[in-house]
């Protein structure tokens, strides 16, 4: 019996935990900072990353901070599109880690859900994160994803009420994305002291791996979060390393050293 694409995500995260370290979910904006090096960058990141979150550039990335906004606008200017991303991934084949696309809803609607999911499955994509798609409006997209076994990862935050936390955790696939702070991605801020009890609460609502993201950039943060979550999502800090030409695999490996 073959493993569904969405299950590949959970298995990769659990394998890292079983090896004695938090799983790493690196985020990059597709085609940034060098469009021609997109696949090579993904393969380099996959050396240290367990699941890779690839951002589809969008003109109004409202959940993202300055770094990812900058990368998104530059990628759009370079001609990066959802169609281009899927074409590149399909041509590349296995890059060494499951890929999850993070996209706002408009590009997905424009592409068309059924064609999008078929093309994504053919490109080896295992799931989607859609921060501006409420659960109540997600049935059509979830049905299309279910047909190919792809995940729709749900996001929760410290402001999510208990009843909604239960709903989103039960409805998530692949993993549960636990936003660690209220606000946008990026920045160099201290994690709130209540983050550990919050992550414990999220874990109590799901059997899926829980991955903590937003504002993660230091080894001590990864160490702390790794005691209460299966994995950590590293976005803005990694994008900044790519901008300065640093080795992304070295940076990511150091986070769990």
C-alpha atoms as a PDB file:
ATOM      1  CA  UNK A   1       0.000   0.000   0.000  1.00  0.00           C
ATOM      2  CA  UNK A   2       1.509   3.324  -1.103  1.00  0.00           C
ATOM      3  CA  UNK A   3       1.871   6.248   1.301  1.00  0.00           C
ATOM      4  CA  UNK A   4      -0.362   9.232   0.561  1.00  0.00           C
ATOM      5  CA  UNK A   5       1.509  12.476  -0.097  1.00  0.00           C
ATOM      6  CA  UNK A   6       0.090  14.069   3.062  1.00  0.00           C
ATOM      7  CA  UNK A   7       1.340  11.142   5.135  1.00  0.00           C
ATOM      8  CA  UNK A   8       4.856  11.666   3.784  1.00  0.00           C
ATOM      9  CA  UNK A   9       4.857  14.973   5.656  1.00  0.00           C
ATOM     10  CA  UNK A  10       3.951  13.434   9.011  1.00  0.00           C
ATOM     11  CA  UNK A  11       6.375  10.548   8.536  1.00  0.00           C
ATOM     12  CA  UNK A  12       9.292  12.862   7.734  1.00  0.00           C
ATOM     13  CA  UNK A  13       8.602  14.981  10.820  1.00  0.00           C
ATOM     14  CA  UNK A  14       8.231  11.938  13.073  1.00  0.00           C
ATOM     15  CA  UNK A  15      11.456  10.437  11.747  1.00  0.00           C
ATOM     16  CA  UNK A  16      13.345  13.510  12.922  1.00  0.00           C
ATOM     17  CA  UNK A  17      11.741  13.317  16.367  1.00  0.00           C
ATOM     18  CA  UNK A  18      12.573   9.621  16.586  1.00  0.00           C
ATOM     19  CA  UNK A  19      16.207  10.469  15.838  1.00  0.00           C
ATOM     20  CA  UNK A  20      16.288  12.672  18.939  1.00  0.00           C
ATOM     21  CA  UNK A  21      15.968  16.194  17.542  1.00  0.00           C
ATOM     22  CA  UNK A  22      13.212  18.629  16.582  1.00  0.00           C
ATOM     23  CA  UNK A  23      12.171  18.447  12.942  1.00  0.00           C
ATOM     24  CA  UNK A  24      13.064  21.433  10.784  1.00  0.00           C
ATOM     25  CA  UNK A  25      10.614  22.955   8.324  1.00  0.00           C
ATOM     26  CA  UNK A  26      12.547  25.602   6.374  1.00  0.00           C
ATOM     27  CA  UNK A  27      10.581  28.203   4.415  1.00  0.00           C
ATOM     28  CA  UNK A  28      11.810  29.882   1.237  1.00  0.00           C
ATOM     29  CA  UNK A  29      10.086  32.123  -1.256  1.00  0.00           C
ATOM     30  CA  UNK A  30      10.125  30.333  -4.596  1.00  0.00           C
ATOM     31  CA  UNK A  31      12.680  31.743  -7.007  1.00  0.00           C
ATOM     32  CA  UNK A  32      14.285  34.085  -4.479  1.00  0.00           C
ATOM     33  CA  UNK A  33      16.940  35.415  -4.349  1.00  0.00           C
ATOM     34  CA  UNK A  34      18.040  33.670  -7.580  1.00  0.00           C
ATOM     35  CA  UNK A  35      15.313  32.331  -9.853  1.00  0.00           C
ATOM     36  CA  UNK A  36      17.725  30.156 -11.803  1.00  0.00           C
ATOM     37  CA  UNK A  37      18.983  28.505  -8.607  1.00  0.00           C
ATOM     38  CA  UNK A  38      15.542  27.583  -7.243  1.00  0.00           C
ATOM     39  CA  UNK A  39      15.840  23.807  -7.471  1.00  0.00           C
ATOM     40  CA  UNK A  40      19.503  23.784  -6.454  1.00  0.00           C
ATOM     41  CA  UNK A  41      18.585  25.841  -3.379  1.00  0.00           C
ATOM     42  CA  UNK A  42      15.765  23.438  -2.485  1.00  0.00           C
ATOM     43  CA  UNK A  43      18.109  20.456  -2.705  1.00  0.00           C
ATOM     44  CA  UNK A  44      20.668  22.225  -0.547  1.00  0.00           C
ATOM     45  CA  UNK A  45      18.047  23.038   2.073  1.00  0.00           C
ATOM     46  CA  UNK A  46      16.782  19.452   1.994  1.00  0.00           C
ATOM     47  CA  UNK A  47      20.164  18.346   3.369  1.00  0.00           C
ATOM     48  CA  UNK A  48      19.106  19.718   6.766  1.00  0.00           C
ATOM     49  CA  UNK A  49      15.365  20.290   6.359  1.00  0.00           C
ATOM     50  CA  UNK A  50      12.840  17.532   6.987  1.00  0.00           C
ATOM     51  CA  UNK A  51       9.886  19.164   5.184  1.00  0.00           C
ATOM     52  CA  UNK A  52      10.287  22.242   2.979  1.00  0.00           C
ATOM     53  CA  UNK A  53       7.697  25.007   2.854  1.00  0.00           C
ATOM     54  CA  UNK A  54       7.830  26.824  -0.470  1.00  0.00           C
ATOM     55  CA  UNK A  55       6.172  30.209  -0.571  1.00  0.00           C
ATOM     56  CA  UNK A  56       4.203  31.189  -3.654  1.00  0.00           C
ATOM     57  CA  UNK A  57       4.957  34.897  -4.130  1.00  0.00           C
ATOM     58  CA  UNK A  58       1.926  37.126  -3.729  1.00  0.00           C
ATOM     59  CA  UNK A  59       1.411  40.865  -4.043  1.00  0.00           C
ATOM     60  CA  UNK A  60      -0.159  41.267  -0.591  1.00  0.00           C
ATOM     61  CA  UNK A  61       1.388  38.715   1.791  1.00  0.00           C
ATOM     62  CA  UNK A  62      -0.528  39.940   4.831  1.00  0.00           C
ATOM     63  CA  UNK A  63       0.733  37.339   7.318  1.00  0.00           C
ATOM     64  CA  UNK A  64       4.373  37.983   6.478  1.00  0.00           C
ATOM     65  CA  UNK A  65       6.870  40.466   7.795  1.00  0.00           C
ATOM     66  CA  UNK A  66       9.241  42.746   5.907  1.00  0.00           C
ATOM     67  CA  UNK A  67      11.746  40.059   4.860  1.00  0.00           C
ATOM     68  CA  UNK A  68       9.240  37.759   3.186  1.00  0.00           C
ATOM     69  CA  UNK A  69       7.309  40.702   1.743  1.00  0.00           C
ATOM     70  CA  UNK A  70      10.545  41.859   0.124  1.00  0.00           C
ATOM     71  CA  UNK A  71      11.338  38.396  -1.220  1.00  0.00           C
ATOM     72  CA  UNK A  72       7.805  37.947  -2.554  1.00  0.00           C
ATOM     73  CA  UNK A  73       7.804  41.232  -4.449  1.00  0.00           C
ATOM     74  CA  UNK A  74      11.254  40.529  -5.933  1.00  0.00           C
ATOM     75  CA  UNK A  75      10.204  37.029  -7.030  1.00  0.00           C
ATOM     76  CA  UNK A  76       7.087  38.394  -8.758  1.00  0.00           C
ATOM     77  CA  UNK A  77       9.243  40.978 -10.545  1.00  0.00           C
ATOM     78  CA  UNK A  78      11.516  38.132 -11.721  1.00  0.00           C
ATOM     79  CA  UNK A  79       8.544  36.321 -13.251  1.00  0.00           C
ATOM     80  CA  UNK A  80       7.961  33.639 -10.614  1.00  0.00           C
ATOM     81  CA  UNK A  81       4.406  32.284 -10.707  1.00  0.00           C
ATOM     82  CA  UNK A  82       2.543  29.300  -9.332  1.00  0.00           C
ATOM     83  CA  UNK A  83       2.578  27.686 -12.773  1.00  0.00           C
ATOM     84  CA  UNK A  84       6.347  28.201 -13.042  1.00  0.00           C
ATOM     85  CA  UNK A  85       6.924  26.728  -9.577  1.00  0.00           C
ATOM     86  CA  UNK A  86       4.988  23.559 -10.389  1.00  0.00           C
ATOM     87  CA  UNK A  87       6.778  23.201 -13.717  1.00  0.00           C
ATOM     88  CA  UNK A  88      10.172  23.489 -12.017  1.00  0.00           C
ATOM     89  CA  UNK A  89       9.254  20.999  -9.306  1.00  0.00           C
ATOM     90  CA  UNK A  90       7.894  18.489 -11.796  1.00  0.00           C
ATOM     91  CA  UNK A  91      11.042  18.677 -13.919  1.00  0.00           C
ATOM     92  CA  UNK A  92      13.258  18.309 -10.842  1.00  0.00           C
ATOM     93  CA  UNK A  93      11.658  15.173  -9.405  1.00  0.00           C
ATOM     94  CA  UNK A  94      12.636  14.202  -5.862  1.00  0.00           C
ATOM     95  CA  UNK A  95      14.502  17.013  -4.097  1.00  0.00           C
ATOM     96  CA  UNK A  96      15.161  15.067  -0.911  1.00  0.00           C
ATOM     97  CA  UNK A  97      12.303  16.204   1.358  1.00  0.00           C
ATOM     98  CA  UNK A  98       8.506  16.539   1.140  1.00  0.00           C
ATOM     99  CA  UNK A  99       7.384  19.907  -0.261  1.00  0.00           C
ATOM    100  CA  UNK A 100       4.444  21.932   1.054  1.00  0.00           C
ATOM    101  CA  UNK A 101       3.329  25.034  -0.822  1.00  0.00           C
ATOM    102  CA  UNK A 102       2.371  28.094   1.212  1.00  0.00           C
ATOM    103  CA  UNK A 103       0.066  30.307  -0.812  1.00  0.00           C
ATOM    104  CA  UNK A 104      -2.592  32.905  -0.301  1.00  0.00           C
ATOM    105  CA  UNK A 105      -5.939  31.985  -1.784  1.00  0.00           C
ATOM    106  CA  UNK A 106      -6.119  34.200  -4.872  1.00  0.00           C
ATOM    107  CA  UNK A 107      -3.403  32.426  -6.915  1.00  0.00           C
ATOM    108  CA  UNK A 108      -5.058  29.081  -6.152  1.00  0.00           C
ATOM    109  CA  UNK A 109      -8.489  30.298  -7.233  1.00  0.00           C
ATOM    110  CA  UNK A 110      -7.037  31.751 -10.421  1.00  0.00           C
ATOM    111  CA  UNK A 111      -5.334  28.450 -11.258  1.00  0.00           C
ATOM    112  CA  UNK A 112      -8.489  26.422 -10.566  1.00  0.00           C
ATOM    113  CA  UNK A 113      -8.618  23.902  -7.732  1.00  0.00           C
ATOM    114  CA  UNK A 114      -8.913  20.675  -9.734  1.00  0.00           C
ATOM    115  CA  UNK A 115      -6.151  21.512 -12.201  1.00  0.00           C
ATOM    116  CA  UNK A 116      -4.003  22.899  -9.398  1.00  0.00           C
ATOM    117  CA  UNK A 117      -4.232  19.712  -7.361  1.00  0.00           C
ATOM    118  CA  UNK A 118      -3.607  17.474 -10.370  1.00  0.00           C
ATOM    119  CA  UNK A 119      -0.557  19.521 -11.392  1.00  0.00           C
ATOM    120  CA  UNK A 120       0.679  19.690  -7.802  1.00  0.00           C
ATOM    121  CA  UNK A 121       0.453  15.928  -7.355  1.00  0.00           C
ATOM    122  CA  UNK A 122       2.327  15.429 -10.626  1.00  0.00           C
ATOM    123  CA  UNK A 123       5.014  17.826  -9.360  1.00  0.00           C
ATOM    124  CA  UNK A 124       5.463  15.901  -6.097  1.00  0.00           C
ATOM    125  CA  UNK A 125       3.853  18.510  -3.846  1.00  0.00           C
ATOM    126  CA  UNK A 126       2.524  16.926  -0.653  1.00  0.00           C
ATOM    127  CA  UNK A 127       0.269  19.659   0.691  1.00  0.00           C
ATOM    128  CA  UNK A 128      -0.726  23.304   1.064  1.00  0.00           C
ATOM    129  CA  UNK A 129      -0.787  25.992   3.731  1.00  0.00           C
ATOM    130  CA  UNK A 130      -3.303  28.756   2.937  1.00  0.00           C
ATOM    131  CA  UNK A 131      -3.270  31.383   5.715  1.00  0.00           C
ATOM    132  CA  UNK A 132      -6.224  33.384   4.395  1.00  0.00           C
ATOM    133  CA  UNK A 133      -8.572  30.430   3.796  1.00  0.00           C
ATOM    134  CA  UNK A 134     -10.951  30.045   6.769  1.00  0.00           C
ATOM    135  CA  UNK A 135     -12.022  26.522   7.680  1.00  0.00           C
ATOM    136  CA  UNK A 136     -15.649  27.396   6.987  1.00  0.00           C
ATOM    137  CA  UNK A 137     -14.814  28.233   3.359  1.00  0.00           C
ATOM    138  CA  UNK A 138     -12.315  25.433   2.686  1.00  0.00           C
ATOM    139  CA  UNK A 139     -14.593  22.495   1.791  1.00  0.00           C
ATOM    140  CA  UNK A 140     -14.184  22.784  -1.980  1.00  0.00           C
ATOM    141  CA  UNK A 141     -10.389  22.962  -1.818  1.00  0.00           C
ATOM    142  CA  UNK A 142     -10.195  20.182   0.782  1.00  0.00           C
ATOM    143  CA  UNK A 143     -12.286  17.923  -1.458  1.00  0.00           C
ATOM    144  CA  UNK A 144      -9.960  18.530  -4.398  1.00  0.00           C
ATOM    145  CA  UNK A 145      -6.902  17.824  -2.238  1.00  0.00           C
ATOM    146  CA  UNK A 146      -8.445  14.669  -0.768  1.00  0.00           C
ATOM    147  CA  UNK A 147      -8.857  13.238  -4.261  1.00  0.00           C
ATOM    148  CA  UNK A 148      -5.051  13.159  -4.615  1.00  0.00           C
ATOM    149  CA  UNK A 149      -4.179  12.589  -0.951  1.00  0.00           C
ATOM    150  CA  UNK A 150      -2.622  16.028  -0.476  1.00  0.00           C
ATOM    151  CA  UNK A 151      -2.676  17.847   2.858  1.00  0.00           C
ATOM    152  CA  UNK A 152      -4.359  21.078   3.847  1.00  0.00           C
ATOM    153  CA  UNK A 153      -2.363  22.196   6.880  1.00  0.00           C
ATOM    154  CA  UNK A 154      -4.319  24.266   9.405  1.00  0.00           C
ATOM    155  CA  UNK A 155      -2.867  27.174  11.348  1.00  0.00           C
ATOM    156  CA  UNK A 156      -3.663  27.913  14.977  1.00  0.00           C
ATOM    157  CA  UNK A 157      -2.447  30.737  17.191  1.00  0.00           C
ATOM    158  CA  UNK A 158      -2.319  31.736  20.863  1.00  0.00           C
ATOM    159  CA  UNK A 159      -5.564  33.651  20.241  1.00  0.00           C
ATOM    160  CA  UNK A 160      -7.466  30.616  18.931  1.00  0.00           C
ATOM    161  CA  UNK A 161     -10.367  29.737  21.303  1.00  0.00           C
ATOM    162  CA  UNK A 162     -10.434  26.190  22.679  1.00  0.00           C
ATOM    163  CA  UNK A 163     -13.431  25.039  20.655  1.00  0.00           C
ATOM    164  CA  UNK A 164     -11.927  26.329  17.425  1.00  0.00           C
ATOM    165  CA  UNK A 165      -8.535  24.874  18.354  1.00  0.00           C
ATOM    166  CA  UNK A 166     -10.201  21.476  18.600  1.00  0.00           C
ATOM    167  CA  UNK A 167     -11.879  21.948  15.210  1.00  0.00           C
ATOM    168  CA  UNK A 168      -8.721  23.042  13.403  1.00  0.00           C
ATOM    169  CA  UNK A 169      -6.493  20.397  14.963  1.00  0.00           C
ATOM    170  CA  UNK A 170      -8.937  17.650  14.054  1.00  0.00           C
ATOM    171  CA  UNK A 171      -9.236  19.007  10.518  1.00  0.00           C
ATOM    172  CA  UNK A 172      -5.539  19.486   9.829  1.00  0.00           C
ATOM    173  CA  UNK A 173      -3.468  17.099   7.720  1.00  0.00           C
ATOM    174  CA  UNK A 174       0.284  16.535   7.574  1.00  0.00           C
ATOM    175  CA  UNK A 175       0.923  18.618  10.676  1.00  0.00           C
ATOM    176  CA  UNK A 176      -0.616  21.423  12.717  1.00  0.00           C
ATOM    177  CA  UNK A 177       1.022  24.815  12.194  1.00  0.00           C
ATOM    178  CA  UNK A 178       1.177  26.492  15.611  1.00  0.00           C
ATOM    179  CA  UNK A 179       1.879  30.199  15.228  1.00  0.00           C
ATOM    180  CA  UNK A 180       3.962  31.167  18.263  1.00  0.00           C
ATOM    181  CA  UNK A 181       3.208  34.890  18.410  1.00  0.00           C
ATOM    182  CA  UNK A 182       0.439  37.287  17.466  1.00  0.00           C
ATOM    183  CA  UNK A 183       1.551  39.365  14.501  1.00  0.00           C
ATOM    184  CA  UNK A 184       3.487  38.741  11.310  1.00  0.00           C
ATOM    185  CA  UNK A 185       6.463  36.550  10.475  1.00  0.00           C
ATOM    186  CA  UNK A 186      10.055  37.632  10.974  1.00  0.00           C
ATOM    187  CA  UNK A 187      11.528  40.005  13.488  1.00  0.00           C
ATOM    188  CA  UNK A 188      13.866  39.202  16.329  1.00  0.00           C
ATOM    189  CA  UNK A 189      11.553  39.075  19.311  1.00  0.00           C
ATOM    190  CA  UNK A 190      11.503  36.994  22.440  1.00  0.00           C
ATOM    191  CA  UNK A 191       9.048  34.139  22.451  1.00  0.00           C
ATOM    192  CA  UNK A 192       6.298  34.755  25.012  1.00  0.00           C
ATOM    193  CA  UNK A 193       6.742  32.789  28.253  1.00  0.00           C
ATOM    194  CA  UNK A 194       3.354  31.134  27.803  1.00  0.00           C
ATOM    195  CA  UNK A 195       4.404  29.588  24.466  1.00  0.00           C
ATOM    196  CA  UNK A 196       5.244  26.251  26.078  1.00  0.00           C
ATOM    197  CA  UNK A 197       1.842  25.806  27.728  1.00  0.00           C
ATOM    198  CA  UNK A 198       0.190  26.929  24.492  1.00  0.00           C
ATOM    199  CA  UNK A 199       2.068  24.275  22.487  1.00  0.00           C
ATOM    200  CA  UNK A 200       1.196  21.649  25.079  1.00  0.00           C
ATOM    201  CA  UNK A 201      -2.461  22.592  24.658  1.00  0.00           C
ATOM    202  CA  UNK A 202      -2.230  22.269  20.866  1.00  0.00           C
ATOM    203  CA  UNK A 203      -0.626  18.847  21.237  1.00  0.00           C
ATOM    204  CA  UNK A 204      -3.484  17.717  23.463  1.00  0.00           C
ATOM    205  CA  UNK A 205      -5.930  18.233  20.577  1.00  0.00           C
ATOM    206  CA  UNK A 206      -4.123  16.236  17.886  1.00  0.00           C
ATOM    207  CA  UNK A 207      -2.136  13.109  17.114  1.00  0.00           C
ATOM    208  CA  UNK A 208      -0.409  14.889  14.235  1.00  0.00           C
ATOM    209  CA  UNK A 209       3.025  16.469  14.646  1.00  0.00           C
ATOM    210  CA  UNK A 210       2.800  20.071  15.804  1.00  0.00           C
ATOM    211  CA  UNK A 211       5.263  22.521  14.250  1.00  0.00           C
ATOM    212  CA  UNK A 212       5.898  25.936  15.771  1.00  0.00           C
ATOM    213  CA  UNK A 213       6.588  28.928  13.561  1.00  0.00           C
ATOM    214  CA  UNK A 214       6.900  32.747  13.350  1.00  0.00           C
ATOM    215  CA  UNK A 215       9.963  34.482  14.723  1.00  0.00           C
ATOM    216  CA  UNK A 216      12.204  31.406  15.080  1.00  0.00           C
ATOM    217  CA  UNK A 217      15.821  32.226  14.333  1.00  0.00           C
ATOM    218  CA  UNK A 218      18.047  31.098  17.235  1.00  0.00           C
ATOM    219  CA  UNK A 219      19.322  27.768  18.526  1.00  0.00           C
ATOM    220  CA  UNK A 220      17.973  28.377  22.028  1.00  0.00           C
ATOM    221  CA  UNK A 221      14.503  28.992  20.593  1.00  0.00           C
ATOM    222  CA  UNK A 222      14.648  25.727  18.656  1.00  0.00           C
ATOM    223  CA  UNK A 223      15.789  23.908  21.779  1.00  0.00           C
ATOM    224  CA  UNK A 224      12.927  25.347  23.839  1.00  0.00           C
ATOM    225  CA  UNK A 225      10.231  24.782  21.227  1.00  0.00           C
ATOM    226  CA  UNK A 226      11.548  21.314  20.448  1.00  0.00           C
ATOM    227  CA  UNK A 227      10.612  20.200  23.961  1.00  0.00           C
ATOM    228  CA  UNK A 228       6.962  21.033  23.294  1.00  0.00           C
ATOM    229  CA  UNK A 229       6.568  20.598  19.513  1.00  0.00           C
ATOM    230  CA  UNK A 230       7.642  18.015  16.972  1.00  0.00           C
ATOM    231  CA  UNK A 231       9.243  20.632  14.779  1.00  0.00           C
ATOM    232  CA  UNK A 232      10.024  24.269  14.142  1.00  0.00           C
ATOM    233  CA  UNK A 233       9.402  26.384  11.040  1.00  0.00           C
ATOM    234  CA  UNK A 234      12.223  28.733  10.070  1.00  0.00           C
ATOM    235  CA  UNK A 235      11.396  31.355   7.448  1.00  0.00           C
ATOM    236  CA  UNK A 236      12.599  34.945   7.594  1.00  0.00           C
ATOM    237  CA  UNK A 237      15.930  34.051   9.200  1.00  0.00           C
ATOM    238  CA  UNK A 238      16.646  31.555   6.410  1.00  0.00           C
ATOM    239  CA  UNK A 239      15.611  33.969   3.662  1.00  0.00           C
ATOM    240  CA  UNK A 240      18.036  36.522   5.124  1.00  0.00           C
ATOM    241  CA  UNK A 241      20.856  33.946   5.015  1.00  0.00           C
ATOM    242  CA  UNK A 242      20.073  33.225   1.368  1.00  0.00           C
ATOM    243  CA  UNK A 243      20.144  36.951   0.583  1.00  0.00           C
ATOM    244  CA  UNK A 244      23.700  37.224   1.910  1.00  0.00           C
ATOM    245  CA  UNK A 245      24.873  34.088   0.115  1.00  0.00           C
ATOM    246  CA  UNK A 246      25.403  31.966   3.232  1.00  0.00           C
ATOM    247  CA  UNK A 247      25.100  28.167   3.170  1.00  0.00           C
ATOM    248  CA  UNK A 248      21.494  27.375   4.141  1.00  0.00           C
ATOM    249  CA  UNK A 249      22.254  23.782   5.151  1.00  0.00           C
ATOM    250  CA  UNK A 250      24.967  24.946   7.564  1.00  0.00           C
ATOM    251  CA  UNK A 251      22.641  27.514   9.120  1.00  0.00           C
ATOM    252  CA  UNK A 252      19.805  25.029   9.555  1.00  0.00           C
ATOM    253  CA  UNK A 253      22.050  22.279  10.923  1.00  0.00           C
ATOM    254  CA  UNK A 254      23.459  24.688  13.501  1.00  0.00           C
ATOM    255  CA  UNK A 255      19.947  25.374  14.816  1.00  0.00           C
ATOM    256  CA  UNK A 256      19.623  21.811  16.093  1.00  0.00           C
ATOM    257  CA  UNK A 257      23.273  21.329  17.067  1.00  0.00           C
END
